[in-house]
Amino acid sequence: MIQPKPGEVYWVDLGLKGKLRPLLVVSREDADAERALCAPLTTQVRGGDYEVKLPRVRWLPGADEGAANVQGLTSVENHRLERRAGQFEARVTMAVREKIAWLLELN
């Protein structure tokens, strides 16, 4: 059984135009959880308040910088997280989590 960790990125079919999308795991590591909370990643950076710029990494395609869209949070069943792309450093995951806390007015 897949046990996703914070900061991992997986390719997941969200049923949108029949293509896989990269999702960043933002939920805490929990061996008993059946789902992971994820933020979708995009290269269509608009510079809005609901985006977190991401560093360029070799394990994601494209030459452009990307962003995590915190307005697009989605819960994904762990068994759908089959194709792991890579993992961001803890500081990147923390930046996304801080933006989510801002979004939800938790801080």
N, C-alpha and C. Protein backbone atom coordinates (compact mmCIF):
# COMPACT_ATOMS: atom_id res chain seq x y z
N MET A 1 0.84 -1.18 0.00
CA MET A 1 0.00 0.00 0.00
C MET A 1 0.89 1.25 0.00
N ILE A 2 0.51 2.21 -0.78
CA ILE A 2 1.25 3.46 -0.90
C ILE A 2 0.98 4.32 0.33
N GLN A 3 2.06 4.85 0.91
CA GLN A 3 1.94 5.76 2.04
C GLN A 3 2.65 7.07 1.66
N PRO A 4 1.90 8.00 1.08
CA PRO A 4 2.52 9.24 0.61
C PRO A 4 3.09 10.07 1.75
N LYS A 5 4.16 10.77 1.42
CA LYS A 5 4.84 11.63 2.38
C LYS A 5 4.73 13.09 1.93
N PRO A 6 4.71 14.01 2.88
CA PRO A 6 4.65 15.43 2.52
C PRO A 6 5.79 15.80 1.58
N GLY A 7 5.45 16.55 0.54
CA GLY A 7 6.46 17.00 -0.41
C GLY A 7 6.61 16.12 -1.63
N GLU A 8 6.06 14.90 -1.57
CA GLU A 8 6.15 14.02 -2.74
C GLU A 8 5.19 14.51 -3.82
N VAL A 9 5.58 14.30 -5.06
CA VAL A 9 4.75 14.67 -6.20
C VAL A 9 4.42 13.40 -6.97
N TYR A 10 3.14 13.26 -7.29
CA TYR A 10 2.66 12.10 -8.03
C TYR A 10 1.91 12.56 -9.28
N TRP A 11 1.97 11.74 -10.33
CA TRP A 11 1.16 11.96 -11.52
C TRP A 11 -0.15 11.23 -11.31
N VAL A 12 -1.28 11.96 -11.41
CA VAL A 12 -2.59 11.39 -11.13
C VAL A 12 -3.58 11.79 -12.22
N ASP A 13 -4.42 10.84 -12.62
CA ASP A 13 -5.50 11.13 -13.56
C ASP A 13 -6.67 11.69 -12.76
N LEU A 14 -6.95 12.97 -12.94
CA LEU A 14 -8.07 13.61 -12.25
C LEU A 14 -9.33 13.62 -13.11
N GLY A 15 -9.30 12.95 -14.24
CA GLY A 15 -10.45 12.91 -15.12
C GLY A 15 -10.62 14.16 -15.96
N LEU A 16 -9.57 14.99 -16.04
CA LEU A 16 -9.62 16.22 -16.82
C LEU A 16 -8.90 16.01 -18.14
N LYS A 17 -9.65 15.96 -19.20
CA LYS A 17 -9.09 15.83 -20.55
C LYS A 17 -8.23 14.59 -20.70
N GLY A 18 -8.44 13.60 -19.86
CA GLY A 18 -7.74 12.33 -19.99
C GLY A 18 -6.24 12.40 -19.87
N LYS A 19 -5.73 13.35 -19.07
CA LYS A 19 -4.27 13.40 -18.93
C LYS A 19 -3.90 13.41 -17.46
N LEU A 20 -2.67 13.01 -17.20
CA LEU A 20 -2.16 12.98 -15.84
C LEU A 20 -1.72 14.37 -15.41
N ARG A 21 -1.97 14.68 -14.16
CA ARG A 21 -1.59 15.98 -13.60
C ARG A 21 -0.65 15.75 -12.42
N PRO A 22 0.34 16.62 -12.22
CA PRO A 22 1.20 16.48 -11.05
C PRO A 22 0.53 17.07 -9.81
N LEU A 23 0.54 16.29 -8.72
CA LEU A 23 -0.03 16.71 -7.46
C LEU A 23 1.02 16.64 -6.37
N LEU A 24 1.09 17.68 -5.55
CA LEU A 24 2.02 17.76 -4.43
C LEU A 24 1.29 17.35 -3.15
N VAL A 25 1.80 16.36 -2.45
CA VAL A 25 1.21 15.93 -1.18
C VAL A 25 1.52 16.98 -0.12
N VAL A 26 0.46 17.51 0.51
CA VAL A 26 0.63 18.52 1.56
C VAL A 26 0.13 18.03 2.91
N SER A 27 -0.57 16.91 2.94
CA SER A 27 -1.05 16.38 4.21
C SER A 27 0.10 15.73 4.98
N ARG A 28 -0.13 15.54 6.25
CA ARG A 28 0.92 14.94 7.09
C ARG A 28 1.05 13.45 6.78
N GLU A 29 2.19 12.91 7.12
CA GLU A 29 2.41 11.48 6.93
C GLU A 29 1.61 10.73 7.98
N ASP A 30 0.77 9.79 7.53
CA ASP A 30 -0.10 9.04 8.43
C ASP A 30 -0.33 7.66 7.83
N ALA A 31 0.23 6.65 8.45
CA ALA A 31 0.13 5.28 7.93
C ALA A 31 -1.32 4.78 7.91
N ASP A 32 -2.20 5.39 8.72
CA ASP A 32 -3.59 4.93 8.78
C ASP A 32 -4.51 5.68 7.82
N ALA A 33 -4.03 6.76 7.21
CA ALA A 33 -4.88 7.55 6.32
C ALA A 33 -5.07 6.82 4.99
N GLU A 34 -6.29 6.89 4.48
CA GLU A 34 -6.60 6.27 3.19
C GLU A 34 -6.53 7.27 2.04
N ARG A 35 -6.42 8.56 2.38
CA ARG A 35 -6.39 9.62 1.38
C ARG A 35 -5.28 10.60 1.73
N ALA A 36 -4.83 11.32 0.71
CA ALA A 36 -3.82 12.37 0.90
C ALA A 36 -4.39 13.68 0.37
N LEU A 37 -4.12 14.76 1.07
CA LEU A 37 -4.51 16.08 0.59
C LEU A 37 -3.39 16.59 -0.30
N CYS A 38 -3.76 17.02 -1.50
CA CYS A 38 -2.75 17.40 -2.50
C CYS A 38 -3.09 18.74 -3.14
N ALA A 39 -2.03 19.42 -3.56
CA ALA A 39 -2.17 20.68 -4.31
C ALA A 39 -1.73 20.42 -5.74
N PRO A 40 -2.53 20.83 -6.72
CA PRO A 40 -2.14 20.65 -8.12
C PRO A 40 -1.00 21.60 -8.49
N LEU A 41 -0.13 21.12 -9.37
CA LEU A 41 0.99 21.92 -9.86
C LEU A 41 0.72 22.34 -11.29
N THR A 42 1.22 23.50 -11.66
CA THR A 42 1.01 24.01 -13.01
C THR A 42 2.22 24.81 -13.47
N THR A 43 2.39 24.90 -14.78
CA THR A 43 3.41 25.79 -15.34
C THR A 43 2.77 27.08 -15.85
N GLN A 44 1.46 27.18 -15.73
CA GLN A 44 0.74 28.40 -16.13
C GLN A 44 0.68 29.34 -14.92
N VAL A 45 1.82 29.92 -14.61
CA VAL A 45 1.94 30.79 -13.44
C VAL A 45 1.31 32.14 -13.76
N ARG A 46 0.37 32.54 -12.91
CA ARG A 46 -0.31 33.82 -13.10
C ARG A 46 0.15 34.86 -12.08
N GLY A 47 0.88 34.40 -11.06
CA GLY A 47 1.38 35.33 -10.05
C GLY A 47 0.34 35.78 -9.05
N GLY A 48 -0.73 35.01 -8.90
CA GLY A 48 -1.79 35.39 -7.98
C GLY A 48 -1.48 35.04 -6.53
N ASP A 49 -2.33 35.51 -5.65
CA ASP A 49 -2.17 35.28 -4.22
C ASP A 49 -2.33 33.81 -3.82
N TYR A 50 -2.94 33.02 -4.67
CA TYR A 50 -3.23 31.63 -4.33
C TYR A 50 -2.24 30.66 -4.95
N GLU A 51 -1.11 31.18 -5.38
CA GLU A 51 -0.06 30.36 -5.97
C GLU A 51 1.21 30.45 -5.12
N VAL A 52 1.96 29.36 -5.13
CA VAL A 52 3.28 29.34 -4.51
C VAL A 52 4.25 28.95 -5.61
N LYS A 53 5.18 29.84 -5.92
CA LYS A 53 6.18 29.53 -6.94
C LYS A 53 7.03 28.36 -6.49
N LEU A 54 7.34 27.50 -7.44
CA LEU A 54 8.14 26.31 -7.16
C LEU A 54 9.47 26.39 -7.90
N PRO A 55 10.51 25.85 -7.30
CA PRO A 55 11.79 25.81 -8.02
C PRO A 55 11.73 24.82 -9.17
N ARG A 56 12.50 25.08 -10.18
CA ARG A 56 12.59 24.17 -11.33
C ARG A 56 13.30 22.90 -10.87
N VAL A 57 12.71 21.75 -11.18
CA VAL A 57 13.31 20.45 -10.83
C VAL A 57 13.39 19.58 -12.07
N ARG A 58 14.38 18.73 -12.12
CA ARG A 58 14.60 17.92 -13.33
C ARG A 58 13.58 16.80 -13.50
N TRP A 59 12.88 16.43 -12.44
CA TRP A 59 11.93 15.32 -12.53
C TRP A 59 10.53 15.75 -12.95
N LEU A 60 10.32 17.04 -13.21
CA LEU A 60 9.07 17.50 -13.82
C LEU A 60 9.39 18.05 -15.20
N PRO A 61 8.56 17.76 -16.18
CA PRO A 61 8.85 18.22 -17.55
C PRO A 61 8.68 19.71 -17.72
N GLY A 62 9.25 20.21 -18.79
CA GLY A 62 9.12 21.62 -19.12
C GLY A 62 10.29 22.44 -18.61
N ALA A 63 10.51 23.54 -19.27
CA ALA A 63 11.63 24.41 -18.91
C ALA A 63 11.17 25.59 -18.06
N ASP A 64 9.86 25.73 -17.91
CA ASP A 64 9.32 26.87 -17.18
C ASP A 64 9.24 26.61 -15.69
N GLU A 65 9.21 27.70 -14.93
CA GLU A 65 8.95 27.58 -13.51
C GLU A 65 7.51 27.14 -13.32
N GLY A 66 7.23 26.59 -12.17
CA GLY A 66 5.88 26.14 -11.89
C GLY A 66 5.35 26.78 -10.63
N ALA A 67 4.11 26.41 -10.30
CA ALA A 67 3.48 26.91 -9.09
C ALA A 67 2.53 25.85 -8.56
N ALA A 68 2.33 25.89 -7.24
CA ALA A 68 1.30 25.09 -6.60
C ALA A 68 0.07 25.98 -6.44
N ASN A 69 -1.08 25.48 -6.83
CA ASN A 69 -2.33 26.23 -6.75
C ASN A 69 -3.09 25.78 -5.51
N VAL A 70 -3.06 26.59 -4.44
CA VAL A 70 -3.69 26.16 -3.20
C VAL A 70 -5.21 26.24 -3.24
N GLN A 71 -5.79 26.91 -4.20
CA GLN A 71 -7.25 26.92 -4.35
C GLN A 71 -7.75 25.61 -4.95
N GLY A 72 -6.85 24.85 -5.53
CA GLY A 72 -7.24 23.60 -6.18
C GLY A 72 -7.01 22.36 -5.32
N LEU A 73 -6.90 22.52 -4.01
CA LEU A 73 -6.65 21.38 -3.13
C LEU A 73 -7.64 20.26 -3.41
N THR A 74 -7.13 19.05 -3.39
CA THR A 74 -7.98 17.89 -3.62
C THR A 74 -7.53 16.73 -2.75
N SER A 75 -8.47 15.92 -2.37
CA SER A 75 -8.19 14.73 -1.59
C SER A 75 -8.16 13.54 -2.55
N VAL A 76 -7.08 12.77 -2.49
CA VAL A 76 -6.88 11.66 -3.43
C VAL A 76 -6.67 10.37 -2.65
N GLU A 77 -7.36 9.33 -3.06
CA GLU A 77 -7.16 8.01 -2.44
C GLU A 77 -5.73 7.56 -2.69
N ASN A 78 -5.09 7.04 -1.65
CA ASN A 78 -3.68 6.66 -1.75
C ASN A 78 -3.39 5.69 -2.89
N HIS A 79 -4.31 4.77 -3.16
CA HIS A 79 -4.04 3.79 -4.22
C HIS A 79 -3.95 4.43 -5.61
N ARG A 80 -4.44 5.67 -5.75
CA ARG A 80 -4.33 6.38 -7.03
C ARG A 80 -2.98 7.06 -7.20
N LEU A 81 -2.19 7.12 -6.12
CA LEU A 81 -0.87 7.74 -6.16
C LEU A 81 0.18 6.69 -6.53
N GLU A 82 0.12 6.25 -7.75
CA GLU A 82 0.98 5.15 -8.19
C GLU A 82 2.28 5.62 -8.83
N ARG A 83 2.21 6.70 -9.55
CA ARG A 83 3.36 7.13 -10.35
C ARG A 83 4.05 8.32 -9.70
N ARG A 84 5.05 8.05 -8.90
CA ARG A 84 5.77 9.09 -8.18
C ARG A 84 6.74 9.80 -9.11
N ALA A 85 6.70 11.14 -9.09
CA ALA A 85 7.60 11.93 -9.94
C ALA A 85 8.87 12.30 -9.19
N GLY A 86 8.74 12.65 -7.92
CA GLY A 86 9.88 13.09 -7.14
C GLY A 86 9.41 13.69 -5.84
N GLN A 87 10.30 14.43 -5.17
CA GLN A 87 9.95 15.05 -3.90
C GLN A 87 10.65 16.40 -3.78
N PHE A 88 9.87 17.40 -3.37
CA PHE A 88 10.43 18.72 -3.11
C PHE A 88 11.09 18.74 -1.73
N GLU A 89 12.00 19.68 -1.55
CA GLU A 89 12.63 19.87 -0.24
C GLU A 89 11.57 20.33 0.76
N ALA A 90 11.85 20.10 2.03
CA ALA A 90 10.91 20.44 3.10
C ALA A 90 10.53 21.92 3.08
N ARG A 91 11.46 22.81 2.72
CA ARG A 91 11.16 24.25 2.72
C ARG A 91 10.08 24.59 1.69
N VAL A 92 10.04 23.86 0.57
CA VAL A 92 9.02 24.10 -0.46
C VAL A 92 7.66 23.66 0.06
N THR A 93 7.62 22.47 0.65
CA THR A 93 6.36 21.97 1.21
C THR A 93 5.86 22.91 2.30
N MET A 94 6.75 23.41 3.13
CA MET A 94 6.37 24.33 4.20
C MET A 94 5.79 25.62 3.62
N ALA A 95 6.35 26.13 2.53
CA ALA A 95 5.84 27.35 1.91
C ALA A 95 4.41 27.13 1.40
N VAL A 96 4.14 25.97 0.83
CA VAL A 96 2.79 25.65 0.35
C VAL A 96 1.84 25.52 1.53
N ARG A 97 2.26 24.85 2.58
CA ARG A 97 1.42 24.70 3.77
C ARG A 97 1.12 26.06 4.41
N GLU A 98 2.10 26.94 4.44
CA GLU A 98 1.88 28.29 4.98
C GLU A 98 0.85 29.05 4.15
N LYS A 99 0.90 28.89 2.85
CA LYS A 99 -0.08 29.56 1.98
C LYS A 99 -1.48 28.97 2.20
N ILE A 100 -1.56 27.67 2.45
CA ILE A 100 -2.85 27.04 2.76
C ILE A 100 -3.39 27.59 4.08
N ALA A 101 -2.53 27.73 5.08
CA ALA A 101 -2.95 28.30 6.36
C ALA A 101 -3.47 29.73 6.17
N TRP A 102 -2.80 30.50 5.31
CA TRP A 102 -3.25 31.85 4.99
C TRP A 102 -4.64 31.81 4.33
N LEU A 103 -4.79 30.90 3.36
CA LEU A 103 -6.05 30.75 2.65
C LEU A 103 -7.21 30.47 3.60
N LEU A 104 -6.95 29.63 4.60
CA LEU A 104 -7.98 29.24 5.54
C LEU A 104 -8.05 30.13 6.79
N GLU A 105 -7.25 31.20 6.77
CA GLU A 105 -7.18 32.16 7.88
C GLU A 105 -6.86 31.45 9.20
N LEU A 106 -5.87 30.57 9.16
CA LEU A 106 -5.45 29.84 10.34
C LEU A 106 -4.31 30.51 11.08
N ASN A 107 -3.73 31.54 10.47
CA ASN A 107 -2.63 32.24 11.14
C ASN A 107 -2.81 33.73 11.08
